[in-house]
Amino acid sequence: MASLKVSSVKLGSCGDEITMPVIGMGTSSHPPVDRQTAKAAILEAIKVGYRHFDTAFAYGNSEQHLGEAIADALRLGLIESRDELFITTKLWASFAERDLVLPAINTSLRNLQMEYVDMYIIHWPFKLGREMTGMPLDEDQVQPLDIKSVWEGMEECKKLGLARGIGVSNFTSKMLEELLSIAKIPPAVNHVEMSPAWQVKKLREFCKAKGIHVTAYSPLGASGTSWGDDRVLGSQVLQQIAKAKGKTTAQISLRWVYEQGVSMVAKSYNKERMRQNLDIFDWSLTEEELQKMSRLPQIKGFVFASLLGQHDLLLQIDAGL
């Protein structure tokens, strides 16, 4: 079966133009999967047509599994060059210090068996202590991010060619304002939770006005995780639209995200669903369907204060996301 063609978006705020496939395959698993399962899923995804893969140091052995799978894909001839792929990884919050950024990206590159990543982003918008003893965290283990110094480290990653682009994740409008005021290289992307059930219109409008591309994580509601549920895939409104169009509920949600001008990271290890999740580009939603979706109840899934503790800093960040 032929692989599917995925649309791309140009990221112009990196200083040089980078093209990113608008659908990335996520590699975070809850609970974690074994090496062979992860590698088999990534190889299948490449066969189906995925060319953008999203990983992070914090996702257990995800970087290593992805690197090994890509090495296998090259040996098998599924791709001719690593350059055919777009790889995103992330700076973990325990390394969010100026002097730790370069060592952190170099660790990720060793894990991935790569000389560069296409996008390196600040994973969480605060700093965590090195020694975490369980959840919830003590307040002194969650500290404000020194945006200026950490971003200098991110800019160095780009200048050294270790990352083609740099960005952020879970940044509020206020944090982005602060970052833009000091950045020599502006962030290319802001990864945020977004789905028809959490539409983040104000933050999206702010990012668009500032030339920052938004990437949606949990576009299907993160069903199966500790913080996710079936508010997207179980939505009667989305199910009715899907039935009328002969599509899956997941396809309706992903198409809606795409029509907002947003890219997305979606994860499935099921071969058929992998293919379905890419098959969203040759049809569209009607104005009436979009109106119905605009009126869906809004419920955020990933809440920092619920996961890490009811600390003032986290409550402020959650309120802006």
Protein backbone atom coordinates (compact mmCIF):
# COMPACT_ATOMS: atom_id res chain seq x y z
CA MET A 1 0.00 0.00 0.00
CA ALA A 2 1.42 3.41 -0.97
CA SER A 3 2.44 5.82 1.77
CA LEU A 4 0.28 8.87 2.34
CA LYS A 5 1.44 12.40 1.55
CA VAL A 6 1.45 14.78 4.51
CA SER A 7 1.10 18.56 4.16
CA SER A 8 3.88 20.76 5.55
CA VAL A 9 4.17 24.20 7.08
CA LYS A 10 7.02 26.68 6.64
CA LEU A 11 8.52 27.99 9.85
CA GLY A 12 9.94 31.36 8.93
CA SER A 13 10.91 32.64 12.38
CA CYS A 14 14.00 30.45 12.69
CA GLY A 15 16.26 32.83 10.80
CA ASP A 16 16.19 30.39 7.89
CA GLU A 17 13.09 28.76 6.55
CA ILE A 18 12.34 25.27 7.82
CA THR A 19 9.58 23.02 6.45
CA MET A 20 7.81 20.83 9.02
CA PRO A 21 5.24 18.09 8.31
CA VAL A 22 2.01 19.17 10.03
CA ILE A 23 1.41 15.76 11.62
CA GLY A 24 4.07 14.27 13.83
CA MET A 25 4.00 10.87 15.45
CA GLY A 26 4.25 11.09 19.22
CA THR A 27 6.51 8.61 21.03
CA SER A 28 5.47 9.16 24.64
CA SER A 29 3.74 6.06 26.02
CA HIS A 30 1.82 5.65 29.27
CA PRO A 31 2.64 3.06 30.47
CA PRO A 32 5.98 2.78 28.62
CA VAL A 33 6.31 0.15 25.88
CA ASP A 34 9.28 -2.13 25.30
CA ARG A 35 12.00 -1.47 22.74
CA GLN A 36 10.71 -3.87 20.09
CA THR A 37 7.14 -2.57 20.26
CA ALA A 38 8.31 1.05 19.98
CA LYS A 39 10.72 0.34 17.10
CA ALA A 40 8.15 -1.72 15.18
CA ALA A 41 5.60 1.09 15.50
CA ILE A 42 8.07 3.73 14.27
CA LEU A 43 9.08 1.60 11.28
CA GLU A 44 5.42 1.04 10.42
CA ALA A 45 4.79 4.78 10.73
CA ILE A 46 7.60 5.51 8.26
CA LYS A 47 6.09 2.97 5.83
CA VAL A 48 2.66 4.63 6.16
CA GLY A 49 4.08 8.10 5.47
CA TYR A 50 5.06 9.76 8.75
CA ARG A 51 8.16 11.91 8.41
CA HIS A 52 7.88 13.97 11.62
CA PHE A 53 8.62 12.28 14.95
CA ASP A 54 8.24 13.93 18.35
CA THR A 55 10.26 12.70 21.32
CA ALA A 56 11.80 14.03 24.54
CA PHE A 57 14.49 13.19 27.08
CA ALA A 58 11.70 12.87 29.65
CA TYR A 59 9.90 10.11 27.69
CA GLY A 60 11.92 7.27 29.19
CA ASN A 61 13.88 5.49 26.46
CA SER A 62 11.90 7.12 23.64
CA GLU A 63 14.91 8.92 22.14
CA GLN A 64 16.97 5.71 22.05
CA HIS A 65 14.12 3.70 20.52
CA LEU A 66 13.53 6.36 17.87
CA GLY A 67 17.21 6.56 17.00
CA GLU A 68 17.49 2.79 16.66
CA ALA A 69 14.32 2.61 14.54
CA ILE A 70 15.58 5.31 12.18
CA ALA A 71 18.92 3.51 11.84
CA ASP A 72 16.95 0.37 10.94
CA ALA A 73 14.82 2.32 8.45
CA LEU A 74 17.97 3.53 6.70
CA ARG A 75 19.39 0.00 6.54
CA LEU A 76 16.09 -1.34 5.19
CA GLY A 77 15.87 1.39 2.56
CA LEU A 78 12.58 2.79 3.89
CA ILE A 79 14.26 6.20 3.71
CA GLU A 80 17.42 7.18 1.87
CA SER A 81 18.65 9.81 4.32
CA ARG A 82 18.03 11.03 7.87
CA ASP A 83 17.42 14.43 6.22
CA GLU A 84 14.04 13.12 4.97
CA LEU A 85 12.80 13.19 8.56
CA PHE A 86 11.84 16.02 10.92
CA ILE A 87 12.85 15.19 14.50
CA THR A 88 11.69 17.19 17.53
CA THR A 89 13.05 16.64 21.03
CA LYS A 90 12.90 18.65 24.22
CA LEU A 91 14.99 20.18 27.00
CA TRP A 92 13.84 18.64 30.27
CA ALA A 93 12.93 20.98 33.14
CA SER A 94 15.70 19.70 35.44
CA PHE A 95 18.25 20.93 32.86
CA ALA A 96 16.67 24.36 32.37
CA GLU A 97 19.84 26.30 33.24
CA ARG A 98 22.15 28.16 30.89
CA ASP A 99 25.12 25.84 31.44
CA LEU A 100 23.07 22.65 31.16
CA VAL A 101 21.37 23.26 27.81
CA LEU A 102 24.29 22.21 25.59
CA PRO A 103 25.07 19.07 27.62
CA ALA A 104 21.35 18.20 27.51
CA ILE A 105 21.01 18.46 23.73
CA ASN A 106 24.23 16.52 23.27
CA THR A 107 22.83 13.73 25.47
CA SER A 108 19.67 13.67 23.33
CA LEU A 109 21.72 13.58 20.13
CA ARG A 110 23.72 10.61 21.43
CA ASN A 111 20.47 8.86 22.34
CA LEU A 112 19.09 9.56 18.86
CA GLN A 113 22.37 8.67 17.08
CA MET A 114 22.12 11.99 15.22
CA GLU A 115 24.26 15.04 14.55
CA TYR A 116 21.32 17.46 14.78
CA VAL A 117 17.61 17.67 15.52
CA ASP A 118 15.19 19.71 13.45
CA MET A 119 13.48 21.29 16.47
CA TYR A 120 14.64 21.60 20.09
CA ILE A 121 12.11 23.00 22.50
CA ILE A 122 11.91 23.92 26.18
CA HIS A 123 9.64 21.16 27.50
CA TRP A 124 8.08 22.80 30.57
CA PRO A 125 7.91 26.56 31.33
CA PHE A 126 9.58 26.29 34.75
CA LYS A 127 12.64 24.70 36.32
CA LEU A 128 12.54 21.53 38.39
CA GLY A 129 15.03 20.49 41.04
CA ARG A 130 17.51 17.76 40.19
CA GLU A 131 16.26 15.42 42.91
CA MET A 132 12.53 14.71 42.70
CA THR A 133 11.18 12.43 45.40
CA GLY A 134 7.63 11.82 44.19
CA MET A 135 4.43 13.69 43.47
CA PRO A 136 3.24 16.20 44.43
CA LEU A 137 6.51 18.12 44.59
CA ASP A 138 7.61 20.42 47.38
CA GLU A 139 7.26 24.05 46.40
CA ASP A 140 11.03 24.68 46.45
CA GLN A 141 11.45 22.02 43.74
CA VAL A 142 9.41 24.09 41.27
CA GLN A 143 11.16 27.33 40.37
CA PRO A 144 10.55 30.12 37.83
CA LEU A 145 12.40 29.73 34.56
CA ASP A 146 15.25 32.17 33.93
CA ILE A 147 14.00 32.73 30.39
CA LYS A 148 16.84 35.00 29.28
CA SER A 149 19.73 32.72 30.24
CA VAL A 150 18.04 29.46 29.21
CA TRP A 151 17.09 30.92 25.84
CA GLU A 152 20.70 31.99 25.30
CA GLY A 153 21.58 28.32 25.65
CA MET A 154 18.85 27.37 23.16
CA GLU A 155 20.14 29.97 20.69
CA GLU A 156 23.63 28.50 21.04
CA CYS A 157 22.24 25.08 20.06
CA LYS A 158 20.97 26.60 16.82
CA LYS A 159 24.14 28.59 16.14
CA LEU A 160 26.24 25.44 16.55
CA GLY A 161 24.01 23.51 14.13
CA LEU A 162 22.81 21.08 16.80
CA ALA A 163 19.21 22.20 16.22
CA ARG A 164 17.83 23.64 12.99
CA GLY A 165 15.05 25.39 14.90
CA ILE A 166 14.26 26.20 18.54
CA GLY A 167 10.98 26.66 20.31
CA VAL A 168 8.98 26.30 23.50
CA SER A 169 6.16 24.27 24.97
CA ASN A 170 3.38 25.24 27.39
CA PHE A 171 4.35 28.93 27.27
CA THR A 172 1.64 31.45 28.15
CA SER A 173 1.23 34.73 26.26
CA LYS A 174 2.94 36.55 29.15
CA MET A 175 5.95 34.23 29.02
CA LEU A 176 6.15 34.58 25.24
CA GLU A 177 6.12 38.39 25.58
CA GLU A 178 9.07 38.17 27.97
CA LEU A 179 10.92 35.77 25.68
CA LEU A 180 10.35 37.86 22.55
CA SER A 181 11.65 40.96 24.33
CA ILE A 182 15.10 39.39 24.83
CA ALA A 183 15.42 36.78 22.07
CA LYS A 184 17.94 37.25 19.27
CA ILE A 185 16.31 34.24 17.57
CA PRO A 186 12.54 34.10 18.23
CA PRO A 187 10.88 30.79 19.05
CA ALA A 188 9.60 28.99 15.95
CA VAL A 189 6.91 26.97 17.73
CA ASN A 190 4.87 26.74 20.92
CA HIS A 191 3.60 23.23 21.73
CA VAL A 192 0.36 23.44 23.72
CA GLU A 193 -2.54 21.16 24.56
CA MET A 194 -5.23 21.71 21.93
CA SER A 195 -8.20 19.80 20.61
CA PRO A 196 -11.85 20.54 19.82
CA ALA A 197 -12.40 20.11 23.59
CA TRP A 198 -9.68 22.69 24.48
CA GLN A 199 -9.43 25.25 21.70
CA VAL A 200 -7.06 27.90 23.24
CA LYS A 201 -8.28 30.63 20.89
CA LYS A 202 -6.66 33.59 22.69
CA LEU A 203 -3.25 31.95 22.94
CA ARG A 204 -3.43 30.86 19.28
CA GLU A 205 -4.32 34.38 18.19
CA PHE A 206 -1.41 35.79 20.21
CA CYS A 207 1.05 33.29 18.69
CA LYS A 208 -0.21 33.99 15.17
CA ALA A 209 0.22 37.74 15.66
CA LYS A 210 3.81 37.17 16.85
CA GLY A 211 4.76 34.74 14.06
CA ILE A 212 5.00 31.73 16.38
CA HIS A 213 3.58 28.51 14.94
CA VAL A 214 1.37 26.46 17.28
CA THR A 215 1.71 22.68 17.49
CA ALA A 216 -1.07 20.80 19.29
CA TYR A 217 -0.32 17.97 21.65
CA SER A 218 -3.10 15.65 22.87
CA PRO A 219 -5.29 16.55 19.85
CA LEU A 220 -7.35 13.41 20.55
CA GLY A 221 -7.72 14.09 24.28
CA ALA A 222 -4.86 11.85 25.48
CA SER A 223 -7.25 8.97 26.12
CA GLY A 224 -5.49 6.21 28.05
CA THR A 225 -3.13 8.51 29.98
CA SER A 226 -3.46 9.50 33.63
CA TRP A 227 -4.60 13.02 32.66
CA GLY A 228 -6.56 12.28 29.48
CA ASP A 229 -10.07 10.95 28.90
CA ASP A 230 -12.62 10.39 26.14
CA ARG A 231 -13.85 13.99 25.94
CA VAL A 232 -12.72 14.09 22.28
CA LEU A 233 -13.16 10.55 21.00
CA GLY A 234 -16.31 10.10 23.09
CA SER A 235 -17.92 13.39 22.01
CA GLN A 236 -21.37 12.77 20.54
CA VAL A 237 -21.06 15.89 18.38
CA LEU A 238 -17.79 14.66 16.83
CA GLN A 239 -19.14 11.13 16.48
CA GLN A 240 -22.20 12.41 14.60
CA ILE A 241 -20.06 14.50 12.23
CA ALA A 242 -17.76 11.50 11.68
CA LYS A 243 -20.68 9.19 10.88
CA ALA A 244 -22.16 11.67 8.41
CA LYS A 245 -18.83 12.05 6.60
CA GLY A 246 -17.77 8.41 6.70
CA LYS A 247 -14.71 9.30 8.80
CA THR A 248 -13.41 8.34 12.23
CA THR A 249 -13.93 10.63 15.22
CA ALA A 250 -10.14 10.97 15.44
CA GLN A 251 -9.98 12.15 11.81
CA ILE A 252 -12.63 14.81 12.52
CA SER A 253 -10.63 16.13 15.47
CA LEU A 254 -7.32 16.14 13.58
CA ARG A 255 -8.88 17.80 10.54
CA TRP A 256 -10.34 20.50 12.81
CA VAL A 257 -6.87 21.18 14.27
CA TYR A 258 -5.39 21.38 10.76
CA GLU A 259 -8.08 23.82 9.62
CA GLN A 260 -7.07 26.15 12.48
CA GLY A 261 -3.61 26.48 10.90
CA VAL A 262 -2.09 24.36 13.64
CA SER A 263 0.20 21.32 13.33
CA MET A 264 -0.17 18.38 15.67
CA VAL A 265 1.46 15.42 17.36
CA ALA A 266 -0.71 12.30 17.53
CA LYS A 267 0.23 8.84 18.75
CA SER A 268 -1.09 5.44 17.78
CA TYR A 269 0.71 2.13 17.61
CA ASN A 270 -2.18 0.61 15.65
CA LYS A 271 -1.32 0.26 11.95
CA GLU A 272 -4.79 1.12 10.64
CA ARG A 273 -5.27 4.11 12.95
CA MET A 274 -1.79 5.39 12.04
CA ARG A 275 -2.90 5.51 8.42
CA GLN A 276 -6.30 7.01 9.22
CA ASN A 277 -4.66 9.79 11.26
CA LEU A 278 -2.69 10.88 8.18
CA ASP A 279 -5.70 10.68 5.86
CA ILE A 280 -7.13 14.14 6.61
CA PHE A 281 -5.95 16.29 3.70
CA ASP A 282 -8.30 15.63 0.77
CA TRP A 283 -11.57 16.60 2.44
CA SER A 284 -12.80 19.40 4.71
CA LEU A 285 -15.32 20.32 7.37
CA THR A 286 -18.37 22.40 6.47
CA GLU A 287 -19.11 25.76 8.05
CA GLU A 288 -22.02 24.18 9.92
CA GLU A 289 -19.77 21.44 11.30
CA LEU A 290 -17.18 23.98 12.38
CA GLN A 291 -19.89 25.98 14.14
CA LYS A 292 -21.05 22.91 16.04
CA MET A 293 -17.48 22.19 17.10
CA SER A 294 -16.92 25.78 18.23
CA ARG A 295 -19.68 25.28 20.82
CA LEU A 296 -18.22 22.14 22.43
CA PRO A 297 -17.68 22.21 26.22
CA GLN A 298 -14.11 23.25 26.99
CA ILE A 299 -12.18 21.05 29.41
CA LYS A 300 -8.39 21.13 29.82
CA GLY A 301 -6.77 17.76 30.36
CA PHE A 302 -3.14 18.41 31.34
CA VAL A 303 -2.96 20.65 34.42
CA PHE A 304 0.46 21.24 35.97
CA ALA A 305 -0.89 21.99 39.45
CA SER A 306 -2.87 18.74 39.50
CA LEU A 307 0.22 16.73 38.57
CA LEU A 308 2.97 18.51 40.51
CA GLY A 309 1.19 20.35 43.36
CA GLN A 310 -0.99 23.40 43.99
CA HIS A 311 1.87 25.89 43.87
CA ASP A 312 1.31 29.56 42.94
CA LEU A 313 3.71 29.45 39.96
CA LEU A 314 1.96 26.43 38.47
CA LEU A 315 -1.51 27.85 39.08
CA GLN A 316 -0.48 31.04 37.20
CA ILE A 317 0.86 29.04 34.25
CA ASP A 318 -2.21 26.79 34.11
CA ALA A 319 -4.45 29.88 34.07
CA GLY A 320 -2.63 31.14 30.95
CA LEU A 321 -2.87 27.88 29.03
